[in-house]
Amino acid sequence: PIEAIHKIPIRDIPPDVLIQTMKSVYEFMGIVERIDVNEKTLYIYHGNTDKRAINAIEKILLNVLDLNGAKYESRCSENLIVMSPVKQKTEVLPVS
């Protein structure tokens, strides 16, 4: 549905636009109750108690972000999934 809305591949959608579209689409479809965004961290509220359903939601959202080139990590609790951008590790090269 996201690519159909924008008529371009997910990888070409600007990240901020993608996140707002994910919020609209997944809330409207009833997959999640609400998605709040604070800077680049997503707070996904859901009403599921089945671990498999929670893992499926987590996997779907992580895959969409990954298709866009954004690497996120997630933490799940009973009614909340928090997704944050993966911090890039910078290598320090030894000075010769």
PDB file of N, CA and C in Angstrom:
ATOM      1  N   PRO A   1       0.802  -1.213   0.000  1.00  0.00           N
ATOM      2  CA  PRO A   1       0.000   0.000   0.000  1.00  0.00           C
ATOM      3  C   PRO A   1       0.846   1.279   0.000  1.00  0.00           C
ATOM      4  N   ILE A   2       2.022   1.229   0.643  1.00  0.00           N
ATOM      5  CA  ILE A   2       2.844   2.441   0.741  1.00  0.00           C
ATOM      6  C   ILE A   2       3.358   2.853  -0.635  1.00  0.00           C
ATOM      7  N   GLU A   3       3.847   1.882  -1.408  1.00  0.00           N
ATOM      8  CA  GLU A   3       4.338   2.204  -2.757  1.00  0.00           C
ATOM      9  C   GLU A   3       3.196   2.677  -3.651  1.00  0.00           C
ATOM     10  N   ALA A   4       2.012   2.131  -3.476  1.00  0.00           N
ATOM     11  CA  ALA A   4       0.858   2.534  -4.278  1.00  0.00           C
ATOM     12  C   ALA A   4       0.467   3.986  -3.979  1.00  0.00           C
ATOM     13  N   ILE A   5       0.592   4.386  -2.733  1.00  0.00           N
ATOM     14  CA  ILE A   5       0.252   5.757  -2.345  1.00  0.00           C
ATOM     15  C   ILE A   5       1.204   6.752  -2.998  1.00  0.00           C
ATOM     16  N   HIS A   6       2.500   6.445  -2.945  1.00  0.00           N
ATOM     17  CA  HIS A   6       3.512   7.382  -3.438  1.00  0.00           C
ATOM     18  C   HIS A   6       3.899   7.156  -4.903  1.00  0.00           C
ATOM     19  N   LYS A   7       3.530   5.996  -5.434  1.00  0.00           N
ATOM     20  CA  LYS A   7       3.827   5.639  -6.822  1.00  0.00           C
ATOM     21  C   LYS A   7       5.322   5.606  -7.128  1.00  0.00           C
ATOM     22  N   ILE A   8       6.109   5.315  -6.095  1.00  0.00           N
ATOM     23  CA  ILE A   8       7.552   5.102  -6.251  1.00  0.00           C
ATOM     24  C   ILE A   8       7.962   3.990  -5.294  1.00  0.00           C
ATOM     25  N   PRO A   9       9.104   3.336  -5.547  1.00  0.00           N
ATOM     26  CA  PRO A   9       9.560   2.282  -4.630  1.00  0.00           C
ATOM     27  C   PRO A   9       9.840   2.836  -3.230  1.00  0.00           C
ATOM     28  N   ILE A  10       9.690   1.987  -2.242  1.00  0.00           N
ATOM     29  CA  ILE A  10       9.924   2.389  -0.852  1.00  0.00           C
ATOM     30  C   ILE A  10      11.317   2.983  -0.685  1.00  0.00           C
ATOM     31  N   ARG A  11      12.298   2.414  -1.368  1.00  0.00           N
ATOM     32  CA  ARG A  11      13.680   2.901  -1.211  1.00  0.00           C
ATOM     33  C   ARG A  11      13.840   4.361  -1.634  1.00  0.00           C
ATOM     34  N   ASP A  12      12.927   4.875  -2.467  1.00  0.00           N
ATOM     35  CA  ASP A  12      13.030   6.249  -2.972  1.00  0.00           C
ATOM     36  C   ASP A  12      12.187   7.259  -2.198  1.00  0.00           C
ATOM     37  N   ILE A  13      11.442   6.801  -1.216  1.00  0.00           N
ATOM     38  CA  ILE A  13      10.590   7.695  -0.421  1.00  0.00           C
ATOM     39  C   ILE A  13      11.457   8.332   0.668  1.00  0.00           C
ATOM     40  N   PRO A  14      11.429   9.642   0.830  1.00  0.00           N
ATOM     41  CA  PRO A  14      12.199  10.272   1.915  1.00  0.00           C
ATOM     42  C   PRO A  14      11.795   9.664   3.266  1.00  0.00           C
ATOM     43  N   PRO A  15      12.778   9.392   4.144  1.00  0.00           N
ATOM     44  CA  PRO A  15      12.488   8.708   5.414  1.00  0.00           C
ATOM     45  C   PRO A  15      11.373   9.345   6.245  1.00  0.00           C
ATOM     46  N   ASP A  16      11.362  10.667   6.352  1.00  0.00           N
ATOM     47  CA  ASP A  16      10.319  11.321   7.161  1.00  0.00           C
ATOM     48  C   ASP A  16       8.938  11.107   6.558  1.00  0.00           C
ATOM     49  N   VAL A  17       8.852  11.137   5.238  1.00  0.00           N
ATOM     50  CA  VAL A  17       7.584  10.900   4.545  1.00  0.00           C
ATOM     51  C   VAL A  17       7.165   9.446   4.729  1.00  0.00           C
ATOM     52  N   LEU A  18       8.126   8.541   4.642  1.00  0.00           N
ATOM     53  CA  LEU A  18       7.827   7.116   4.825  1.00  0.00           C
ATOM     54  C   LEU A  18       7.248   6.849   6.209  1.00  0.00           C
ATOM     55  N   ILE A  19       7.869   7.394   7.227  1.00  0.00           N
ATOM     56  CA  ILE A  19       7.403   7.150   8.607  1.00  0.00           C
ATOM     57  C   ILE A  19       5.983   7.682   8.788  1.00  0.00           C
ATOM     58  N   GLN A  20       5.688   8.867   8.257  1.00  0.00           N
ATOM     59  CA  GLN A  20       4.324   9.407   8.370  1.00  0.00           C
ATOM     60  C   GLN A  20       3.319   8.555   7.596  1.00  0.00           C
ATOM     61  N   THR A  21       3.751   8.025   6.456  1.00  0.00           N
ATOM     62  CA  THR A  21       2.865   7.154   5.678  1.00  0.00           C
ATOM     63  C   THR A  21       2.637   5.840   6.410  1.00  0.00           C
ATOM     64  N   MET A  22       3.700   5.278   6.993  1.00  0.00           N
ATOM     65  CA  MET A  22       3.551   4.047   7.782  1.00  0.00           C
ATOM     66  C   MET A  22       2.544   4.276   8.906  1.00  0.00           C
ATOM     67  N   LYS A  23       2.664   5.402   9.583  1.00  0.00           N
ATOM     68  CA  LYS A  23       1.753   5.742  10.675  1.00  0.00           C
ATOM     69  C   LYS A  23       0.310   5.734  10.169  1.00  0.00           C
ATOM     70  N   SER A  24       0.057   6.454   9.084  1.00  0.00           N
ATOM     71  CA  SER A  24      -1.305   6.540   8.540  1.00  0.00           C
ATOM     72  C   SER A  24      -1.830   5.176   8.099  1.00  0.00           C
ATOM     73  N   VAL A  25      -1.029   4.451   7.326  1.00  0.00           N
ATOM     74  CA  VAL A  25      -1.471   3.176   6.752  1.00  0.00           C
ATOM     75  C   VAL A  25      -1.719   2.126   7.835  1.00  0.00           C
ATOM     76  N   TYR A  26      -0.763   1.927   8.725  1.00  0.00           N
ATOM     77  CA  TYR A  26      -0.899   0.847   9.709  1.00  0.00           C
ATOM     78  C   TYR A  26      -1.924   1.166  10.788  1.00  0.00           C
ATOM     79  N   GLU A  27      -2.120   2.443  11.106  1.00  0.00           N
ATOM     80  CA  GLU A  27      -3.196   2.804  12.031  1.00  0.00           C
ATOM     81  C   GLU A  27      -4.550   2.600  11.353  1.00  0.00           C
ATOM     82  N   PHE A  28      -4.687   3.056  10.111  1.00  0.00           N
ATOM     83  CA  PHE A  28      -5.948   2.927   9.376  1.00  0.00           C
ATOM     84  C   PHE A  28      -6.323   1.461   9.172  1.00  0.00           C
ATOM     85  N   MET A  29      -5.338   0.621   8.863  1.00  0.00           N
ATOM     86  CA  MET A  29      -5.597  -0.799   8.622  1.00  0.00           C
ATOM     87  C   MET A  29      -5.879  -1.565   9.918  1.00  0.00           C
ATOM     88  N   GLY A  30      -5.641  -0.936  11.064  1.00  0.00           N
ATOM     89  CA  GLY A  30      -5.891  -1.593  12.340  1.00  0.00           C
ATOM     90  C   GLY A  30      -4.786  -2.547  12.763  1.00  0.00           C
ATOM     91  N   ILE A  31      -3.643  -2.483  12.084  1.00  0.00           N
ATOM     92  CA  ILE A  31      -2.521  -3.354  12.460  1.00  0.00           C
ATOM     93  C   ILE A  31      -1.943  -2.903  13.791  1.00  0.00           C
ATOM     94  N   VAL A  32      -1.926  -1.579  14.014  1.00  0.00           N
ATOM     95  CA  VAL A  32      -1.492  -1.016  15.292  1.00  0.00           C
ATOM     96  C   VAL A  32      -2.554  -0.024  15.759  1.00  0.00           C
ATOM     97  N   GLU A  33      -2.535   0.253  17.048  1.00  0.00           N
ATOM     98  CA  GLU A  33      -3.470   1.247  17.569  1.00  0.00           C
ATOM     99  C   GLU A  33      -2.976   2.659  17.281  1.00  0.00           C
ATOM    100  N   ARG A  34      -1.665   2.860  17.469  1.00  0.00           N
ATOM    101  CA  ARG A  34      -1.115   4.209  17.306  1.00  0.00           C
ATOM    102  C   ARG A  34       0.390   4.120  17.117  1.00  0.00           C
ATOM    103  N   ILE A  35       0.923   5.020  16.318  1.00  0.00           N
ATOM    104  CA  ILE A  35       2.374   5.171  16.186  1.00  0.00           C
ATOM    105  C   ILE A  35       2.698   6.619  16.510  1.00  0.00           C
ATOM    106  N   ASP A  36       3.523   6.810  17.521  1.00  0.00           N
ATOM    107  CA  ASP A  36       4.018   8.142  17.858  1.00  0.00           C
ATOM    108  C   ASP A  36       5.469   8.215  17.415  1.00  0.00           C
ATOM    109  N   VAL A  37       5.872   9.383  16.960  1.00  0.00           N
ATOM    110  CA  VAL A  37       7.240   9.577  16.487  1.00  0.00           C
ATOM    111  C   VAL A  37       7.864  10.713  17.284  1.00  0.00           C
ATOM    112  N   ASN A  38       9.028  10.432  17.867  1.00  0.00           N
ATOM    113  CA  ASN A  38       9.790  11.447  18.583  1.00  0.00           C
ATOM    114  C   ASN A  38      11.164  11.476  17.944  1.00  0.00           C
ATOM    115  N   GLU A  39      11.412  12.529  17.172  1.00  0.00           N
ATOM    116  CA  GLU A  39      12.602  12.621  16.334  1.00  0.00           C
ATOM    117  C   GLU A  39      12.579  11.421  15.391  1.00  0.00           C
ATOM    118  N   LYS A  40      13.496  10.472  15.517  1.00  0.00           N
ATOM    119  CA  LYS A  40      13.496   9.322  14.618  1.00  0.00           C
ATOM    120  C   LYS A  40      13.091   8.034  15.333  1.00  0.00           C
ATOM    121  N   THR A  41      12.697   8.126  16.598  1.00  0.00           N
ATOM    122  CA  THR A  41      12.270   6.951  17.360  1.00  0.00           C
ATOM    123  C   THR A  41      10.768   6.763  17.209  1.00  0.00           C
ATOM    124  N   LEU A  42      10.364   5.519  16.918  1.00  0.00           N
ATOM    125  CA  LEU A  42       8.954   5.186  16.743  1.00  0.00           C
ATOM    126  C   LEU A  42       8.452   4.449  17.983  1.00  0.00           C
ATOM    127  N   TYR A  43       7.312   4.881  18.488  1.00  0.00           N
ATOM    128  CA  TYR A  43       6.635   4.225  19.612  1.00  0.00           C
ATOM    129  C   TYR A  43       5.355   3.635  19.042  1.00  0.00           C
ATOM    130  N   ILE A  44       5.324   2.306  18.936  1.00  0.00           N
ATOM    131  CA  ILE A  44       4.205   1.625  18.293  1.00  0.00           C
ATOM    132  C   ILE A  44       3.344   0.966  19.368  1.00  0.00           C
ATOM    133  N   TYR A  45       2.129   1.449  19.521  1.00  0.00           N
ATOM    134  CA  TYR A  45       1.187   0.904  20.503  1.00  0.00           C
ATOM    135  C   TYR A  45       0.268  -0.083  19.790  1.00  0.00           C
ATOM    136  N   HIS A  46       0.111  -1.243  20.389  1.00  0.00           N
ATOM    137  CA  HIS A  46      -0.734  -2.277  19.794  1.00  0.00           C
ATOM    138  C   HIS A  46      -1.546  -2.939  20.903  1.00  0.00           C
ATOM    139  N   GLY A  47      -2.576  -3.634  20.542  1.00  0.00           N
ATOM    140  CA  GLY A  47      -3.428  -4.287  21.535  1.00  0.00           C
ATOM    141  C   GLY A  47      -3.263  -5.795  21.549  1.00  0.00           C
ATOM    142  N   ASN A  48      -2.150  -6.279  21.022  1.00  0.00           N
ATOM    143  CA  ASN A  48      -1.953  -7.728  20.924  1.00  0.00           C
ATOM    144  C   ASN A  48      -1.299  -8.304  22.169  1.00  0.00           C
ATOM    145  N   THR A  49      -1.725  -9.512  22.509  1.00  0.00           N
ATOM    146  CA  THR A  49      -1.082 -10.223  23.612  1.00  0.00           C
ATOM    147  C   THR A  49      -0.351 -11.464  23.102  1.00  0.00           C
ATOM    148  N   ASP A  50      -0.662 -11.875  21.896  1.00  0.00           N
ATOM    149  CA  ASP A  50      -0.017 -13.043  21.293  1.00  0.00           C
ATOM    150  C   ASP A  50       1.378 -12.649  20.809  1.00  0.00           C
ATOM    151  N   LYS A  51       2.388 -13.326  21.334  1.00  0.00           N
ATOM    152  CA  LYS A  51       3.785 -13.027  20.976  1.00  0.00           C
ATOM    153  C   LYS A  51       4.014 -13.106  19.469  1.00  0.00           C
ATOM    154  N   ARG A  52       3.360 -14.071  18.809  1.00  0.00           N
ATOM    155  CA  ARG A  52       3.547 -14.216  17.363  1.00  0.00           C
ATOM    156  C   ARG A  52       3.024 -13.002  16.617  1.00  0.00           C
ATOM    157  N   ALA A  53       1.892 -12.476  17.053  1.00  0.00           N
ATOM    158  CA  ALA A  53       1.325 -11.278  16.421  1.00  0.00           C
ATOM    159  C   ALA A  53       2.236 -10.077  16.644  1.00  0.00           C
ATOM    160  N   ILE A  54       2.751  -9.930  17.846  1.00  0.00           N
ATOM    161  CA  ILE A  54       3.655  -8.824  18.163  1.00  0.00           C
ATOM    162  C   ILE A  54       4.924  -8.927  17.318  1.00  0.00           C
ATOM    163  N   ASN A  55       5.475 -10.135  17.215  1.00  0.00           N
ATOM    164  CA  ASN A  55       6.681 -10.342  16.407  1.00  0.00           C
ATOM    165  C   ASN A  55       6.413 -10.066  14.933  1.00  0.00           C
ATOM    166  N   ALA A  56       5.222 -10.397  14.458  1.00  0.00           N
ATOM    167  CA  ALA A  56       4.865 -10.137  13.056  1.00  0.00           C
ATOM    168  C   ALA A  56       4.804  -8.630  12.789  1.00  0.00           C
ATOM    169  N   ILE A  57       4.180  -7.884  13.688  1.00  0.00           N
ATOM    170  CA  ILE A  57       4.121  -6.422  13.540  1.00  0.00           C
ATOM    171  C   ILE A  57       5.534  -5.848  13.526  1.00  0.00           C
ATOM    172  N   GLU A  58       6.336  -6.289  14.467  1.00  0.00           N
ATOM    173  CA  GLU A  58       7.722  -5.823  14.561  1.00  0.00           C
ATOM    174  C   GLU A  58       8.481  -6.104  13.256  1.00  0.00           C
ATOM    175  N   LYS A  59       8.327  -7.311  12.745  1.00  0.00           N
ATOM    176  CA  LYS A  59       9.040  -7.710  11.529  1.00  0.00           C
ATOM    177  C   LYS A  59       8.581  -6.894  10.320  1.00  0.00           C
ATOM    178  N   ILE A  60       7.275  -6.694  10.177  1.00  0.00           N
ATOM    179  CA  ILE A  60       6.737  -5.916   9.061  1.00  0.00           C
ATOM    180  C   ILE A  60       7.325  -4.509   9.062  1.00  0.00           C
ATOM    181  N   LEU A  61       7.260  -3.840  10.212  1.00  0.00           N
ATOM    182  CA  LEU A  61       7.723  -2.454  10.279  1.00  0.00           C
ATOM    183  C   LEU A  61       9.235  -2.350  10.079  1.00  0.00           C
ATOM    184  N   LEU A  62       9.994  -3.274  10.674  1.00  0.00           N
ATOM    185  CA  LEU A  62      11.448  -3.265  10.477  1.00  0.00           C
ATOM    186  C   LEU A  62      11.810  -3.498   9.013  1.00  0.00           C
ATOM    187  N   ASN A  63      11.074  -4.388   8.340  1.00  0.00           N
ATOM    188  CA  ASN A  63      11.344  -4.670   6.932  1.00  0.00           C
ATOM    189  C   ASN A  63      11.063  -3.457   6.049  1.00  0.00           C
ATOM    190  N   VAL A  64       9.988  -2.735   6.327  1.00  0.00           N
ATOM    191  CA  VAL A  64       9.676  -1.538   5.543  1.00  0.00           C
ATOM    192  C   VAL A  64      10.787  -0.495   5.726  1.00  0.00           C
ATOM    193  N   LEU A  65      11.210  -0.293   6.967  1.00  0.00           N
ATOM    194  CA  LEU A  65      12.288   0.662   7.230  1.00  0.00           C
ATOM    195  C   LEU A  65      13.584   0.220   6.551  1.00  0.00           C
ATOM    196  N   ASP A  66      13.852  -1.088   6.594  1.00  0.00           N
ATOM    197  CA  ASP A  66      15.057  -1.637   5.974  1.00  0.00           C
ATOM    198  C   ASP A  66      15.030  -1.432   4.453  1.00  0.00           C
ATOM    199  N   LEU A  67      13.870  -1.627   3.838  1.00  0.00           N
ATOM    200  CA  LEU A  67      13.741  -1.404   2.395  1.00  0.00           C
ATOM    201  C   LEU A  67      14.052   0.045   2.016  1.00  0.00           C
ATOM    202  N   ASN A  68      13.849   0.942   2.967  1.00  0.00           N
ATOM    203  CA  ASN A  68      14.122   2.355   2.750  1.00  0.00           C
ATOM    204  C   ASN A  68      15.590   2.688   3.024  1.00  0.00           C
ATOM    205  N   GLY A  69      16.335   1.692   3.512  1.00  0.00           N
ATOM    206  CA  GLY A  69      17.744   1.908   3.808  1.00  0.00           C
ATOM    207  C   GLY A  69      18.006   2.353   5.232  1.00  0.00           C
ATOM    208  N   ALA A  70      16.975   2.364   6.059  1.00  0.00           N
ATOM    209  CA  ALA A  70      17.117   2.778   7.453  1.00  0.00           C
ATOM    210  C   ALA A  70      17.266   1.549   8.337  1.00  0.00           C
ATOM    211  N   LYS A  71      18.306   1.520   9.110  1.00  0.00           N
ATOM    212  CA  LYS A  71      18.543   0.392  10.018  1.00  0.00           C
ATOM    213  C   LYS A  71      18.026   0.767  11.405  1.00  0.00           C
ATOM    214  N   TYR A  72      17.033   0.001  11.849  1.00  0.00           N
ATOM    215  CA  TYR A  72      16.429   0.238  13.162  1.00  0.00           C
ATOM    216  C   TYR A  72      16.581  -1.000  14.024  1.00  0.00           C
ATOM    217  N   GLU A  73      16.621  -0.775  15.328  1.00  0.00           N
ATOM    218  CA  GLU A  73      16.570  -1.872  16.294  1.00  0.00           C
ATOM    219  C   GLU A  73      15.291  -1.684  17.094  1.00  0.00           C
ATOM    220  N   SER A  74      14.781  -2.772  17.646  1.00  0.00           N
ATOM    221  CA  SER A  74      13.511  -2.649  18.356  1.00  0.00           C
ATOM    222  C   SER A  74      13.561  -3.352  19.697  1.00  0.00           C
ATOM    223  N   ARG A  75      12.688  -2.866  20.574  1.00  0.00           N
ATOM    224  CA  ARG A  75      12.474  -3.475  21.888  1.00  0.00           C
ATOM    225  C   ARG A  75      10.968  -3.608  22.064  1.00  0.00           C
ATOM    226  N   CYS A  76      10.543  -4.759  22.527  1.00  0.00           N
ATOM    227  CA  CYS A  76       9.110  -5.025  22.689  1.00  0.00           C
ATOM    228  C   CYS A  76       8.759  -5.192  24.158  1.00  0.00           C
ATOM    229  N   SER A  77       7.605  -4.654  24.516  1.00  0.00           N
ATOM    230  CA  SER A  77       7.012  -4.950  25.816  1.00  0.00           C
ATOM    231  C   SER A  77       5.581  -5.380  25.542  1.00  0.00           C
ATOM    232  N   GLU A  78       4.782  -5.492  26.565  1.00  0.00           N
ATOM    233  CA  GLU A  78       3.450  -6.063  26.399  1.00  0.00           C
ATOM    234  C   GLU A  78       2.584  -5.327  25.377  1.00  0.00           C
ATOM    235  N   ASN A  79       2.544  -4.008  25.422  1.00  0.00           N
ATOM    236  CA  ASN A  79       1.671  -3.262  24.508  1.00  0.00           C
ATOM    237  C   ASN A  79       2.415  -2.222  23.677  1.00  0.00           C
ATOM    238  N   LEU A  80       3.736  -2.291  23.688  1.00  0.00           N
ATOM    239  CA  LEU A  80       4.525  -1.254  23.047  1.00  0.00           C
ATOM    240  C   LEU A  80       5.750  -1.847  22.355  1.00  0.00           C
ATOM    241  N   ILE A  81       6.011  -1.356  21.143  1.00  0.00           N
ATOM    242  CA  ILE A  81       7.249  -1.675  20.442  1.00  0.00           C
ATOM    243  C   ILE A  81       7.952  -0.339  20.221  1.00  0.00           C
ATOM    244  N   VAL A  82       9.205  -0.258  20.639  1.00  0.00           N
ATOM    245  CA  VAL A  82       9.989   0.958  20.441  1.00  0.00           C
ATOM    246  C   VAL A  82      11.065   0.654  19.402  1.00  0.00           C
ATOM    247  N   MET A  83      11.095   1.453  18.340  1.00  0.00           N
ATOM    248  CA  MET A  83      12.086   1.275  17.282  1.00  0.00           C
ATOM    249  C   MET A  83      12.951   2.525  17.202  1.00  0.00           C
ATOM    250  N   SER A  84      14.258   2.289  17.289  1.00  0.00           N
ATOM    251  CA  SER A  84      15.213   3.390  17.252  1.00  0.00           C
ATOM    252  C   SER A  84      16.247   3.129  16.173  1.00  0.00           C
ATOM    253  N   PRO A  85      16.747   4.200  15.549  1.00  0.00           N
ATOM    254  CA  PRO A  85      17.792   4.007  14.543  1.00  0.00           C
ATOM    255  C   PRO A  85      19.019   3.360  15.176  1.00  0.00           C
ATOM    256  N   VAL A  86      19.640   2.468  14.428  1.00  0.00           N
ATOM    257  CA  VAL A  86      20.872   1.841  14.895  1.00  0.00           C
ATOM    258  C   VAL A  86      21.968   2.886  14.813  1.00  0.00           C
ATOM    259  N   LYS A  87      22.681   3.044  15.905  1.00  0.00           N
ATOM    260  CA  LYS A  87      23.785   3.999  15.933  1.00  0.00           C
ATOM    261  C   LYS A  87      24.939   3.423  15.132  1.00  0.00           C
ATOM    262  N   GLN A  88      25.436   4.204  14.195  1.00  0.00           N
ATOM    263  CA  GLN A  88      26.566   3.763  13.388  1.00  0.00           C
ATOM    264  C   GLN A  88      27.833   3.855  14.223  1.00  0.00           C
ATOM    265  N   LYS A  89      28.582   2.748  14.245  1.00  0.00           N
ATOM    266  CA  LYS A  89      29.855   2.742  14.956  1.00  0.00           C
ATOM    267  C   LYS A  89      30.917   3.322  14.034  1.00  0.00           C
ATOM    268  N   THR A  90      31.627   4.279  14.557  1.00  0.00           N
ATOM    269  CA  THR A  90      32.710   4.859  13.759  1.00  0.00           C
ATOM    270  C   THR A  90      34.017   4.233  14.201  1.00  0.00           C
ATOM    271  N   GLU A  91      34.780   3.835  13.231  1.00  0.00           N
ATOM    272  CA  GLU A  91      36.068   3.232  13.541  1.00  0.00           C
ATOM    273  C   GLU A  91      37.095   4.331  13.698  1.00  0.00           C
ATOM    274  N   VAL A  92      37.901   4.171  14.741  1.00  0.00           N
ATOM    275  CA  VAL A  92      39.010   5.097  14.946  1.00  0.00           C
ATOM    276  C   VAL A  92      40.257   4.380  14.466  1.00  0.00           C
ATOM    277  N   LEU A  93      40.873   4.973  13.462  1.00  0.00           N
ATOM    278  CA  LEU A  93      42.076   4.359  12.914  1.00  0.00           C
ATOM    279  C   LEU A  93      43.280   4.828  13.727  1.00  0.00           C
ATOM    280  N   PRO A  94      44.184   3.900  13.976  1.00  0.00           N
ATOM    281  CA  PRO A  94      45.384   4.305  14.755  1.00  0.00           C
ATOM    282  C   PRO A  94      46.230   5.312  13.959  1.00  0.00           C
ATOM    283  N   VAL A  95      46.770   6.249  14.675  1.00  0.00           N
ATOM    284  CA  VAL A  95      47.638   7.248  14.059  1.00  0.00           C
ATOM    285  C   VAL A  95      49.033   6.655  13.948  1.00  0.00           C
ATOM    286  N   SER A  96      49.621   6.726  12.742  1.00  0.00           N
ATOM    287  CA  SER A  96      50.963   6.165  12.595  1.00  0.00           C
ATOM    288  C   SER A  96      52.019   7.208  12.720  1.00  0.00           C
TER     289      SER A  96
END
